[in-house]
Amino acid sequence: MYYQSTLTSKGQITIPKELRERFKLKEGEQVIIIPTDDGIIVRPSANPLRQVRGLLSRELEMEKADRFIRKMRREWRLE
């Protein structure tokens, strides 16, 4: 699948709505533009808040896994 956008006289392009939603890009956010031999790559900038949110979700997953392991150990001791 590919998307098409038009370059304006100011050198601007519009990222299609489907891609903005998919990559959770909001108005005013910065993106990184990477030149390659074949063209350019546009990536979301490393947003510190987005990174923290990822760390917190992993921390919650680890805590959930830890609780599960403790529960299983207790059950195994009873058998």
PDB file of N, CA and C in Angstrom:
ATOM      1  N   MET A   1       0.847  -1.174   0.000  1.00  0.00           N
ATOM      2  CA  MET A   1       0.000   0.000   0.000  1.00  0.00           C
ATOM      3  C   MET A   1       0.894   1.239   0.000  1.00  0.00           C
ATOM      4  N   TYR A   2       0.464   2.256  -0.666  1.00  0.00           N
ATOM      5  CA  TYR A   2       1.200   3.513  -0.660  1.00  0.00           C
ATOM      6  C   TYR A   2       0.211   4.669  -0.537  1.00  0.00           C
ATOM      7  N   TYR A   3       0.744   5.818  -0.174  1.00  0.00           N
ATOM      8  CA  TYR A   3      -0.061   7.027  -0.014  1.00  0.00           C
ATOM      9  C   TYR A   3       0.552   8.104  -0.881  1.00  0.00           C
ATOM     10  N   GLN A   4      -0.263   9.022  -1.334  1.00  0.00           N
ATOM     11  CA  GLN A   4       0.211  10.107  -2.182  1.00  0.00           C
ATOM     12  C   GLN A   4      -0.156  11.436  -1.548  1.00  0.00           C
ATOM     13  N   SER A   5       0.766  12.377  -1.621  1.00  0.00           N
ATOM     14  CA  SER A   5       0.542  13.710  -1.095  1.00  0.00           C
ATOM     15  C   SER A   5       1.162  14.704  -2.067  1.00  0.00           C
ATOM     16  N   THR A   6       0.694  15.936  -2.051  1.00  0.00           N
ATOM     17  CA  THR A   6       1.191  16.968  -2.954  1.00  0.00           C
ATOM     18  C   THR A   6       2.106  17.923  -2.197  1.00  0.00           C
ATOM     19  N   LEU A   7       3.215  18.258  -2.797  1.00  0.00           N
ATOM     20  CA  LEU A   7       4.162  19.210  -2.228  1.00  0.00           C
ATOM     21  C   LEU A   7       3.669  20.622  -2.519  1.00  0.00           C
ATOM     22  N   THR A   8       3.572  21.462  -1.488  1.00  0.00           N
ATOM     23  CA  THR A   8       3.110  22.838  -1.685  1.00  0.00           C
ATOM     24  C   THR A   8       4.275  23.720  -2.133  1.00  0.00           C
ATOM     25  N   SER A   9       3.973  24.961  -2.475  1.00  0.00           N
ATOM     26  CA  SER A   9       5.021  25.904  -2.897  1.00  0.00           C
ATOM     27  C   SER A   9       5.995  26.205  -1.750  1.00  0.00           C
ATOM     28  N   LYS A  10       5.572  25.956  -0.510  1.00  0.00           N
ATOM     29  CA  LYS A  10       6.444  26.160   0.647  1.00  0.00           C
ATOM     30  C   LYS A  10       7.227  24.894   1.011  1.00  0.00           C
ATOM     31  N   GLY A  11       7.104  23.841   0.208  1.00  0.00           N
ATOM     32  CA  GLY A  11       7.820  22.600   0.472  1.00  0.00           C
ATOM     33  C   GLY A  11       7.151  21.729   1.522  1.00  0.00           C
ATOM     34  N   GLN A  12       5.866  21.952   1.767  1.00  0.00           N
ATOM     35  CA  GLN A  12       5.154  21.193   2.793  1.00  0.00           C
ATOM     36  C   GLN A  12       4.336  20.074   2.159  1.00  0.00           C
ATOM     37  N   ILE A  13       4.186  18.984   2.926  1.00  0.00           N
ATOM     38  CA  ILE A  13       3.292  17.900   2.512  1.00  0.00           C
ATOM     39  C   ILE A  13       2.339  17.615   3.660  1.00  0.00           C
ATOM     40  N   THR A  14       1.217  17.009   3.342  1.00  0.00           N
ATOM     41  CA  THR A  14       0.266  16.597   4.362  1.00  0.00           C
ATOM     42  C   THR A  14       0.395  15.097   4.549  1.00  0.00           C
ATOM     43  N   ILE A  15       0.576  14.673   5.795  1.00  0.00           N
ATOM     44  CA  ILE A  15       0.605  13.248   6.095  1.00  0.00           C
ATOM     45  C   ILE A  15      -0.849  12.792   6.157  1.00  0.00           C
ATOM     46  N   PRO A  16      -1.214  11.788   5.377  1.00  0.00           N
ATOM     47  CA  PRO A  16      -2.616  11.349   5.351  1.00  0.00           C
ATOM     48  C   PRO A  16      -3.140  11.012   6.752  1.00  0.00           C
ATOM     49  N   LYS A  17      -4.421  11.292   6.954  1.00  0.00           N
ATOM     50  CA  LYS A  17      -5.063  11.120   8.258  1.00  0.00           C
ATOM     51  C   LYS A  17      -4.892   9.702   8.787  1.00  0.00           C
ATOM     52  N   GLU A  18      -5.047   8.703   7.939  1.00  0.00           N
ATOM     53  CA  GLU A  18      -4.914   7.309   8.361  1.00  0.00           C
ATOM     54  C   GLU A  18      -3.536   7.048   8.988  1.00  0.00           C
ATOM     55  N   LEU A  19      -2.487   7.626   8.401  1.00  0.00           N
ATOM     56  CA  LEU A  19      -1.136   7.448   8.933  1.00  0.00           C
ATOM     57  C   LEU A  19      -0.931   8.254  10.213  1.00  0.00           C
ATOM     58  N   ARG A  20      -1.490   9.463  10.270  1.00  0.00           N
ATOM     59  CA  ARG A  20      -1.378  10.263  11.502  1.00  0.00           C
ATOM     60  C   ARG A  20      -2.018   9.524  12.668  1.00  0.00           C
ATOM     61  N   GLU A  21      -3.177   8.917  12.429  1.00  0.00           N
ATOM     62  CA  GLU A  21      -3.857   8.168  13.486  1.00  0.00           C
ATOM     63  C   GLU A  21      -3.077   6.910  13.845  1.00  0.00           C
ATOM     64  N   ARG A  22      -2.604   6.206  12.844  1.00  0.00           N
ATOM     65  CA  ARG A  22      -1.856   4.957  13.079  1.00  0.00           C
ATOM     66  C   ARG A  22      -0.612   5.194  13.927  1.00  0.00           C
ATOM     67  N   PHE A  23       0.094   6.295  13.663  1.00  0.00           N
ATOM     68  CA  PHE A  23       1.331   6.582  14.378  1.00  0.00           C
ATOM     69  C   PHE A  23       1.142   7.618  15.484  1.00  0.00           C
ATOM     70  N   LYS A  24      -0.120   7.934  15.781  1.00  0.00           N
ATOM     71  CA  LYS A  24      -0.490   8.847  16.874  1.00  0.00           C
ATOM     72  C   LYS A  24       0.235  10.189  16.781  1.00  0.00           C
ATOM     73  N   LEU A  25       0.249  10.749  15.588  1.00  0.00           N
ATOM     74  CA  LEU A  25       0.864  12.059  15.363  1.00  0.00           C
ATOM     75  C   LEU A  25      -0.180  13.142  15.588  1.00  0.00           C
ATOM     76  N   LYS A  26       0.161  14.110  16.394  1.00  0.00           N
ATOM     77  CA  LYS A  26      -0.743  15.220  16.702  1.00  0.00           C
ATOM     78  C   LYS A  26      -0.210  16.522  16.112  1.00  0.00           C
ATOM     79  N   GLU A  27      -1.089  17.482  15.927  1.00  0.00           N
ATOM     80  CA  GLU A  27      -0.701  18.788  15.405  1.00  0.00           C
ATOM     81  C   GLU A  27       0.399  19.400  16.281  1.00  0.00           C
ATOM     82  N   GLY A  28       1.427  19.914  15.640  1.00  0.00           N
ATOM     83  CA  GLY A  28       2.521  20.569  16.352  1.00  0.00           C
ATOM     84  C   GLY A  28       3.664  19.643  16.737  1.00  0.00           C
ATOM     85  N   GLU A  29       3.454  18.330  16.628  1.00  0.00           N
ATOM     86  CA  GLU A  29       4.536  17.402  16.942  1.00  0.00           C
ATOM     87  C   GLU A  29       5.617  17.471  15.880  1.00  0.00           C
ATOM     88  N   GLN A  30       6.834  17.258  16.303  1.00  0.00           N
ATOM     89  CA  GLN A  30       7.948  17.256  15.365  1.00  0.00           C
ATOM     90  C   GLN A  30       8.154  15.858  14.807  1.00  0.00           C
ATOM     91  N   VAL A  31       8.647  15.802  13.580  1.00  0.00           N
ATOM     92  CA  VAL A  31       9.008  14.537  12.947  1.00  0.00           C
ATOM     93  C   VAL A  31      10.474  14.618  12.523  1.00  0.00           C
ATOM     94  N   ILE A  32      11.062  13.472  12.303  1.00  0.00           N
ATOM     95  CA  ILE A  32      12.439  13.396  11.832  1.00  0.00           C
ATOM     96  C   ILE A  32      12.388  13.024  10.361  1.00  0.00           C
ATOM     97  N   ILE A  33      13.161  13.731   9.548  1.00  0.00           N
ATOM     98  CA  ILE A  33      13.225  13.440   8.113  1.00  0.00           C
ATOM     99  C   ILE A  33      14.609  12.894   7.820  1.00  0.00           C
ATOM    100  N   ILE A  34      14.656  11.665   7.290  1.00  0.00           N
ATOM    101  CA  ILE A  34      15.915  10.980   7.039  1.00  0.00           C
ATOM    102  C   ILE A  34      16.095  10.793   5.538  1.00  0.00           C
ATOM    103  N   PRO A  35      17.147  11.416   4.963  1.00  0.00           N
ATOM    104  CA  PRO A  35      17.404  11.197   3.535  1.00  0.00           C
ATOM    105  C   PRO A  35      18.047   9.825   3.304  1.00  0.00           C
ATOM    106  N   THR A  36      17.616   9.134   2.251  1.00  0.00           N
ATOM    107  CA  THR A  36      18.214   7.859   1.856  1.00  0.00           C
ATOM    108  C   THR A  36      18.541   7.919   0.378  1.00  0.00           C
ATOM    109  N   ASP A  37      19.201   6.908  -0.134  1.00  0.00           N
ATOM    110  CA  ASP A  37      19.515   6.869  -1.564  1.00  0.00           C
ATOM    111  C   ASP A  37      18.247   6.783  -2.405  1.00  0.00           C
ATOM    112  N   ASP A  38      17.203   6.170  -1.859  1.00  0.00           N
ATOM    113  CA  ASP A  38      15.961   5.960  -2.615  1.00  0.00           C
ATOM    114  C   ASP A  38      14.922   7.050  -2.414  1.00  0.00           C
ATOM    115  N   GLY A  39      15.124   7.944  -1.449  1.00  0.00           N
ATOM    116  CA  GLY A  39      14.126   8.968  -1.160  1.00  0.00           C
ATOM    117  C   GLY A  39      14.279   9.487   0.249  1.00  0.00           C
ATOM    118  N   ILE A  40      13.160   9.689   0.921  1.00  0.00           N
ATOM    119  CA  ILE A  40      13.202  10.180   2.300  1.00  0.00           C
ATOM    120  C   ILE A  40      12.320   9.305   3.180  1.00  0.00           C
ATOM    121  N   ILE A  41      12.661   9.282   4.465  1.00  0.00           N
ATOM    122  CA  ILE A  41      11.858   8.592   5.471  1.00  0.00           C
ATOM    123  C   ILE A  41      11.405   9.650   6.467  1.00  0.00           C
ATOM    124  N   VAL A  42      10.134   9.663   6.776  1.00  0.00           N
ATOM    125  CA  VAL A  42       9.586  10.579   7.781  1.00  0.00           C
ATOM    126  C   VAL A  42       9.185   9.723   8.977  1.00  0.00           C
ATOM    127  N   ARG A  43       9.769  10.028  10.144  1.00  0.00           N
ATOM    128  CA  ARG A  43       9.503   9.256  11.359  1.00  0.00           C
ATOM    129  C   ARG A  43       9.040  10.184  12.474  1.00  0.00           C
ATOM    130  N   PRO A  44       8.228   9.666  13.391  1.00  0.00           N
ATOM    131  CA  PRO A  44       7.885  10.472  14.565  1.00  0.00           C
ATOM    132  C   PRO A  44       9.157  10.785  15.354  1.00  0.00           C
ATOM    133  N   SER A  45       9.236  11.979  15.880  1.00  0.00           N
ATOM    134  CA  SER A  45      10.380  12.360  16.709  1.00  0.00           C
ATOM    135  C   SER A  45      10.313  11.591  18.022  1.00  0.00           C
ATOM    136  N   ALA A  46      11.448  11.410  18.644  1.00  0.00           N
ATOM    137  CA  ALA A  46      11.500  10.712  19.930  1.00  0.00           C
ATOM    138  C   ALA A  46      10.908  11.623  20.996  1.00  0.00           C
ATOM    139  N   ASN A  47       9.619  11.501  21.223  1.00  0.00           N
ATOM    140  CA  ASN A  47       8.900  12.315  22.189  1.00  0.00           C
ATOM    141  C   ASN A  47       9.140  11.759  23.591  1.00  0.00           C
ATOM    142  N   PRO A  48       9.760  12.542  24.487  1.00  0.00           N
ATOM    143  CA  PRO A  48      10.052  12.034  25.825  1.00  0.00           C
ATOM    144  C   PRO A  48       8.816  11.538  26.573  1.00  0.00           C
ATOM    145  N   LEU A  49       7.677  12.206  26.428  1.00  0.00           N
ATOM    146  CA  LEU A  49       6.468  11.757  27.113  1.00  0.00           C
ATOM    147  C   LEU A  49       6.000  10.415  26.574  1.00  0.00           C
ATOM    148  N   ARG A  50       6.120  10.231  25.277  1.00  0.00           N
ATOM    149  CA  ARG A  50       5.727   8.969  24.670  1.00  0.00           C
ATOM    150  C   ARG A  50       6.634   7.846  25.175  1.00  0.00           C
ATOM    151  N   GLN A  51       7.933   8.133  25.338  1.00  0.00           N
ATOM    152  CA  GLN A  51       8.865   7.135  25.849  1.00  0.00           C
ATOM    153  C   GLN A  51       8.532   6.772  27.284  1.00  0.00           C
ATOM    154  N   VAL A  52       8.205   7.769  28.110  1.00  0.00           N
ATOM    155  CA  VAL A  52       7.855   7.502  29.508  1.00  0.00           C
ATOM    156  C   VAL A  52       6.598   6.651  29.566  1.00  0.00           C
ATOM    157  N   ARG A  53       5.630   6.963  28.739  1.00  0.00           N
ATOM    158  CA  ARG A  53       4.399   6.182  28.713  1.00  0.00           C
ATOM    159  C   ARG A  53       4.717   4.724  28.392  1.00  0.00           C
ATOM    160  N   GLY A  54       5.641   4.501  27.467  1.00  0.00           N
ATOM    161  CA  GLY A  54       6.048   3.141  27.135  1.00  0.00           C
ATOM    162  C   GLY A  54       6.722   2.452  28.304  1.00  0.00           C
ATOM    163  N   LEU A  55       7.569   3.177  29.033  1.00  0.00           N
ATOM    164  CA  LEU A  55       8.236   2.600  30.199  1.00  0.00           C
ATOM    165  C   LEU A  55       7.231   2.225  31.268  1.00  0.00           C
ATOM    166  N   LEU A  56       6.255   3.105  31.498  1.00  0.00           N
ATOM    167  CA  LEU A  56       5.256   2.825  32.516  1.00  0.00           C
ATOM    168  C   LEU A  56       4.425   1.609  32.160  1.00  0.00           C
ATOM    169  N   SER A  57       4.056   1.480  30.896  1.00  0.00           N
ATOM    170  CA  SER A  57       3.254   0.319  30.518  1.00  0.00           C
ATOM    171  C   SER A  57       4.064  -0.956  30.671  1.00  0.00           C
ATOM    172  N   ARG A  58       5.363  -0.927  30.349  1.00  0.00           N
ATOM    173  CA  ARG A  58       6.201  -2.111  30.544  1.00  0.00           C
ATOM    174  C   ARG A  58       6.345  -2.421  32.028  1.00  0.00           C
ATOM    175  N   GLU A  59       6.471  -1.383  32.845  1.00  0.00           N
ATOM    176  CA  GLU A  59       6.587  -1.580  34.288  1.00  0.00           C
ATOM    177  C   GLU A  59       5.324  -2.249  34.825  1.00  0.00           C
ATOM    178  N   LEU A  60       4.160  -1.813  34.360  1.00  0.00           N
ATOM    179  CA  LEU A  60       2.909  -2.420  34.797  1.00  0.00           C
ATOM    180  C   LEU A  60       2.819  -3.866  34.340  1.00  0.00           C
ATOM    181  N   GLU A  61       3.291  -4.162  33.133  1.00  0.00           N
ATOM    182  CA  GLU A  61       3.286  -5.534  32.639  1.00  0.00           C
ATOM    183  C   GLU A  61       4.210  -6.401  33.495  1.00  0.00           C
ATOM    184  N   MET A  62       5.363  -5.866  33.880  1.00  0.00           N
ATOM    185  CA  MET A  62       6.298  -6.613  34.707  1.00  0.00           C
ATOM    186  C   MET A  62       5.688  -6.883  36.085  1.00  0.00           C
ATOM    187  N   GLU A  63       5.001  -5.899  36.642  1.00  0.00           N
ATOM    188  CA  GLU A  63       4.366  -6.081  37.945  1.00  0.00           C
ATOM    189  C   GLU A  63       3.280  -7.151  37.858  1.00  0.00           C
ATOM    190  N   LYS A  64       2.525  -7.137  36.774  1.00  0.00           N
ATOM    191  CA  LYS A  64       1.485  -8.141  36.576  1.00  0.00           C
ATOM    192  C   LYS A  64       2.111  -9.533  36.456  1.00  0.00           C
ATOM    193  N   ALA A  65       3.200  -9.629  35.714  1.00  0.00           N
ATOM    194  CA  ALA A  65       3.896 -10.906  35.562  1.00  0.00           C
ATOM    195  C   ALA A  65       4.452 -11.371  36.904  1.00  0.00           C
ATOM    196  N   ASP A  66       4.990 -10.457  37.687  1.00  0.00           N
ATOM    197  CA  ASP A  66       5.537 -10.786  38.999  1.00  0.00           C
ATOM    198  C   ASP A  66       4.446 -11.336  39.922  1.00  0.00           C
ATOM    199  N   ARG A  67       3.276 -10.705  39.907  1.00  0.00           N
ATOM    200  CA  ARG A  67       2.159 -11.185  40.727  1.00  0.00           C
ATOM    201  C   ARG A  67       1.748 -12.598  40.298  1.00  0.00           C
ATOM    202  N   PHE A  68       1.704 -12.819  39.000  1.00  0.00           N
ATOM    203  CA  PHE A  68       1.338 -14.138  38.482  1.00  0.00           C
ATOM    204  C   PHE A  68       2.345 -15.198  38.941  1.00  0.00           C
ATOM    205  N   ILE A  69       3.634 -14.883  38.857  1.00  0.00           N
ATOM    206  CA  ILE A  69       4.677 -15.832  39.273  1.00  0.00           C
ATOM    207  C   ILE A  69       4.550 -16.129  40.762  1.00  0.00           C
ATOM    208  N   ARG A  70       4.351 -15.097  41.582  1.00  0.00           N
ATOM    209  CA  ARG A  70       4.190 -15.314  43.028  1.00  0.00           C
ATOM    210  C   ARG A  70       2.976 -16.203  43.311  1.00  0.00           C
ATOM    211  N   LYS A  71       1.874 -15.963  42.602  1.00  0.00           N
ATOM    212  CA  LYS A  71       0.664 -16.765  42.776  1.00  0.00           C
ATOM    213  C   LYS A  71       0.935 -18.221  42.408  1.00  0.00           C
ATOM    214  N   MET A  72       1.590 -18.447  41.290  1.00  0.00           N
ATOM    215  CA  MET A  72       1.892 -19.811  40.860  1.00  0.00           C
ATOM    216  C   MET A  72       2.818 -20.505  41.857  1.00  0.00           C
ATOM    217  N   ARG A  73       3.798 -19.806  42.387  1.00  0.00           N
ATOM    218  CA  ARG A  73       4.705 -20.401  43.382  1.00  0.00           C
ATOM    219  C   ARG A  73       3.932 -20.818  44.636  1.00  0.00           C
ATOM    220  N   ARG A  74       3.001 -19.959  45.079  1.00  0.00           N
ATOM    221  CA  ARG A  74       2.184 -20.301  46.250  1.00  0.00           C
ATOM    222  C   ARG A  74       1.361 -21.561  45.972  1.00  0.00           C
ATOM    223  N   GLU A  75       0.770 -21.654  44.804  1.00  0.00           N
ATOM    224  CA  GLU A  75      -0.042 -22.823  44.452  1.00  0.00           C
ATOM    225  C   GLU A  75       0.828 -24.067  44.387  1.00  0.00           C
ATOM    226  N   TRP A  76       2.024 -23.968  43.825  1.00  0.00           N
ATOM    227  CA  TRP A  76       2.900 -25.138  43.722  1.00  0.00           C
ATOM    228  C   TRP A  76       3.322 -25.629  45.106  1.00  0.00           C
ATOM    229  N   ARG A  77       3.525 -24.708  46.051  1.00  0.00           N
ATOM    230  CA  ARG A  77       3.922 -25.094  47.410  1.00  0.00           C
ATOM    231  C   ARG A  77       2.808 -25.870  48.103  1.00  0.00           C
ATOM    232  N   LEU A  78       1.558 -25.549  47.788  1.00  0.00           N
ATOM    233  CA  LEU A  78       0.434 -26.218  48.429  1.00  0.00           C
ATOM    234  C   LEU A  78       0.237 -27.645  47.906  1.00  0.00           C
ATOM    235  N   GLU A  79       0.699 -27.932  46.730  1.00  0.00           N
ATOM    236  CA  GLU A  79       0.505 -29.269  46.152  1.00  0.00           C
ATOM    237  C   GLU A  79       1.516 -30.260  46.663  1.00  0.00           C
TER     238      GLU A  79
END
